Amino acid sequence: SIPAFADDVRSVRRGKAFAQANCSYCHSIDRITRSPRRAAPPFRTLHKQYPVETLEDALAEGMSTGHPQMPEFRLDSGQVGDFISFLKSFE
């Protein structure tokens, strides 16, 4: 059987790959760079603003924001888990 840690590492990698493909045009998805779009918070700071687990429902139901530049995302349950694992990796 695969150790839980290995599953966690793979989940974080899948979440990061999703962020790279869908979010990195506006948001910083690493620990050091600025977000390409100034108004878009770097993902490394989200956990300081609120528990990232609170994003689960929004991601599953269709995340939309008050500004039109951000596309709406609807993730399946596996993608939500991976994305949250990626965000939690910054904690």
C-alpha atoms as a PDB file:
ATOM      1  CA  SER A   1       0.000   0.000   0.000  1.00  0.00           C
ATOM      2  CA  ILE A   2       1.084   3.560  -0.713  1.00  0.00           C
ATOM      3  CA  PRO A   3       1.957   5.683   2.338  1.00  0.00           C
ATOM      4  CA  ALA A   4      -0.427   8.565   2.992  1.00  0.00           C
ATOM      5  CA  PHE A   5       2.440  11.021   2.587  1.00  0.00           C
ATOM      6  CA  ALA A   6       2.995   9.875  -1.007  1.00  0.00           C
ATOM      7  CA  ASP A   7      -0.707  10.373  -1.719  1.00  0.00           C
ATOM      8  CA  ASP A   8      -0.462  13.872  -0.224  1.00  0.00           C
ATOM      9  CA  VAL A   9       2.569  14.733  -2.362  1.00  0.00           C
ATOM     10  CA  ARG A  10       0.779  13.569  -5.515  1.00  0.00           C
ATOM     11  CA  SER A  11      -2.343  15.524  -4.547  1.00  0.00           C
ATOM     12  CA  VAL A  12      -0.299  18.705  -4.056  1.00  0.00           C
ATOM     13  CA  ARG A  13       1.406  18.141  -7.441  1.00  0.00           C
ATOM     14  CA  ARG A  14      -1.950  17.690  -9.200  1.00  0.00           C
ATOM     15  CA  GLY A  15      -3.295  20.823  -7.472  1.00  0.00           C
ATOM     16  CA  LYS A  16      -0.230  22.793  -8.526  1.00  0.00           C
ATOM     17  CA  ALA A  17      -0.588  21.551 -12.119  1.00  0.00           C
ATOM     18  CA  PHE A  18      -4.204  22.765 -12.121  1.00  0.00           C
ATOM     19  CA  ALA A  19      -3.112  26.143 -10.735  1.00  0.00           C
ATOM     20  CA  GLN A  20      -0.336  26.400 -13.339  1.00  0.00           C
ATOM     21  CA  ALA A  21      -2.762  25.689 -16.173  1.00  0.00           C
ATOM     22  CA  ASN A  22      -5.693  27.804 -14.951  1.00  0.00           C
ATOM     23  CA  CYS A  23      -4.597  30.387 -12.385  1.00  0.00           C
ATOM     24  CA  SER A  24      -0.989  31.409 -12.961  1.00  0.00           C
ATOM     25  CA  TYR A  25      -1.835  34.022 -15.606  1.00  0.00           C
ATOM     26  CA  CYS A  26      -3.075  36.233 -12.775  1.00  0.00           C
ATOM     27  CA  HIS A  27      -2.003  34.665  -9.458  1.00  0.00           C
ATOM     28  CA  SER A  28       1.438  33.832  -8.134  1.00  0.00           C
ATOM     29  CA  ILE A  29       1.399  30.109  -7.428  1.00  0.00           C
ATOM     30  CA  ASP A  30       4.820  29.880  -5.762  1.00  0.00           C
ATOM     31  CA  ARG A  31       6.465  31.122  -2.586  1.00  0.00           C
ATOM     32  CA  ILE A  32       8.307  34.157  -3.956  1.00  0.00           C
ATOM     33  CA  THR A  33       7.066  35.819  -7.138  1.00  0.00           C
ATOM     34  CA  ARG A  34       4.512  38.603  -7.433  1.00  0.00           C
ATOM     35  CA  SER A  35       1.164  37.878  -9.018  1.00  0.00           C
ATOM     36  CA  PRO A  36       1.163  38.870 -12.716  1.00  0.00           C
ATOM     37  CA  ARG A  37      -2.114  40.731 -12.090  1.00  0.00           C
ATOM     38  CA  ARG A  38      -1.597  43.106  -9.196  1.00  0.00           C
ATOM     39  CA  ALA A  39      -5.121  42.698  -7.779  1.00  0.00           C
ATOM     40  CA  ALA A  40      -4.868  38.883  -7.728  1.00  0.00           C
ATOM     41  CA  PRO A  41      -3.620  37.645  -4.352  1.00  0.00           C
ATOM     42  CA  PRO A  42      -0.654  35.273  -4.370  1.00  0.00           C
ATOM     43  CA  PHE A  43      -1.871  31.806  -3.428  1.00  0.00           C
ATOM     44  CA  ARG A  44       0.800  31.587  -0.701  1.00  0.00           C
ATOM     45  CA  THR A  45      -1.082  34.265   1.284  1.00  0.00           C
ATOM     46  CA  LEU A  46      -4.625  32.872   1.099  1.00  0.00           C
ATOM     47  CA  HIS A  47      -4.307  30.758   4.257  1.00  0.00           C
ATOM     48  CA  LYS A  48      -3.394  33.919   6.183  1.00  0.00           C
ATOM     49  CA  GLN A  49      -6.699  35.522   5.201  1.00  0.00           C
ATOM     50  CA  TYR A  50      -9.038  32.574   5.924  1.00  0.00           C
ATOM     51  CA  PRO A  51      -9.020  28.781   6.205  1.00  0.00           C
ATOM     52  CA  VAL A  52      -8.534  27.556   2.628  1.00  0.00           C
ATOM     53  CA  GLU A  53     -10.924  24.658   3.315  1.00  0.00           C
ATOM     54  CA  THR A  54     -13.722  27.237   3.120  1.00  0.00           C
ATOM     55  CA  LEU A  55     -13.116  27.380  -0.651  1.00  0.00           C
ATOM     56  CA  GLU A  56     -14.219  23.756  -1.160  1.00  0.00           C
ATOM     57  CA  ASP A  57     -17.907  24.501  -1.777  1.00  0.00           C
ATOM     58  CA  ALA A  58     -17.186  27.491  -3.996  1.00  0.00           C
ATOM     59  CA  LEU A  59     -14.777  25.456  -6.115  1.00  0.00           C
ATOM     60  CA  ALA A  60     -17.234  22.578  -6.484  1.00  0.00           C
ATOM     61  CA  GLU A  61     -20.294  24.746  -7.163  1.00  0.00           C
ATOM     62  CA  GLY A  62     -18.568  27.126  -9.549  1.00  0.00           C
ATOM     63  CA  MET A  63     -16.203  29.728  -8.250  1.00  0.00           C
ATOM     64  CA  SER A  64     -17.036  33.181  -9.440  1.00  0.00           C
ATOM     65  CA  THR A  65     -15.914  36.524  -8.128  1.00  0.00           C
ATOM     66  CA  GLY A  66     -17.020  40.098  -8.234  1.00  0.00           C
ATOM     67  CA  HIS A  67     -14.681  40.996 -11.073  1.00  0.00           C
ATOM     68  CA  PRO A  68     -15.241  39.936 -14.681  1.00  0.00           C
ATOM     69  CA  GLN A  69     -11.614  39.131 -15.510  1.00  0.00           C
ATOM     70  CA  MET A  70     -11.679  35.936 -13.443  1.00  0.00           C
ATOM     71  CA  PRO A  71     -13.272  33.038 -15.269  1.00  0.00           C
ATOM     72  CA  GLU A  72     -15.721  30.819 -13.427  1.00  0.00           C
ATOM     73  CA  PHE A  73     -14.313  27.455 -12.416  1.00  0.00           C
ATOM     74  CA  ARG A  74     -16.188  24.318 -11.459  1.00  0.00           C
ATOM     75  CA  LEU A  75     -13.952  21.513 -10.245  1.00  0.00           C
ATOM     76  CA  ASP A  76     -14.822  17.886  -9.613  1.00  0.00           C
ATOM     77  CA  SER A  77     -14.331  16.518  -6.096  1.00  0.00           C
ATOM     78  CA  GLY A  78     -10.871  15.126  -6.880  1.00  0.00           C
ATOM     79  CA  GLN A  79      -9.718  18.432  -8.330  1.00  0.00           C
ATOM     80  CA  VAL A  80     -11.100  20.314  -5.316  1.00  0.00           C
ATOM     81  CA  GLY A  81      -9.183  18.049  -2.930  1.00  0.00           C
ATOM     82  CA  ASP A  82      -5.977  18.418  -4.936  1.00  0.00           C
ATOM     83  CA  PHE A  83      -6.302  22.189  -5.195  1.00  0.00           C
ATOM     84  CA  ILE A  84      -6.965  22.546  -1.452  1.00  0.00           C
ATOM     85  CA  SER A  85      -3.952  20.274  -0.750  1.00  0.00           C
ATOM     86  CA  PHE A  86      -1.843  22.582  -2.919  1.00  0.00           C
ATOM     87  CA  LEU A  87      -3.072  25.698  -1.093  1.00  0.00           C
ATOM     88  CA  LYS A  88      -2.470  24.046   2.298  1.00  0.00           C
ATOM     89  CA  SER A  89       1.105  23.260   1.260  1.00  0.00           C
ATOM     90  CA  PHE A  90       1.858  26.963   1.846  1.00  0.00           C
ATOM     91  CA  GLU A  91       0.819  26.814   5.515  1.00  0.00           C
END
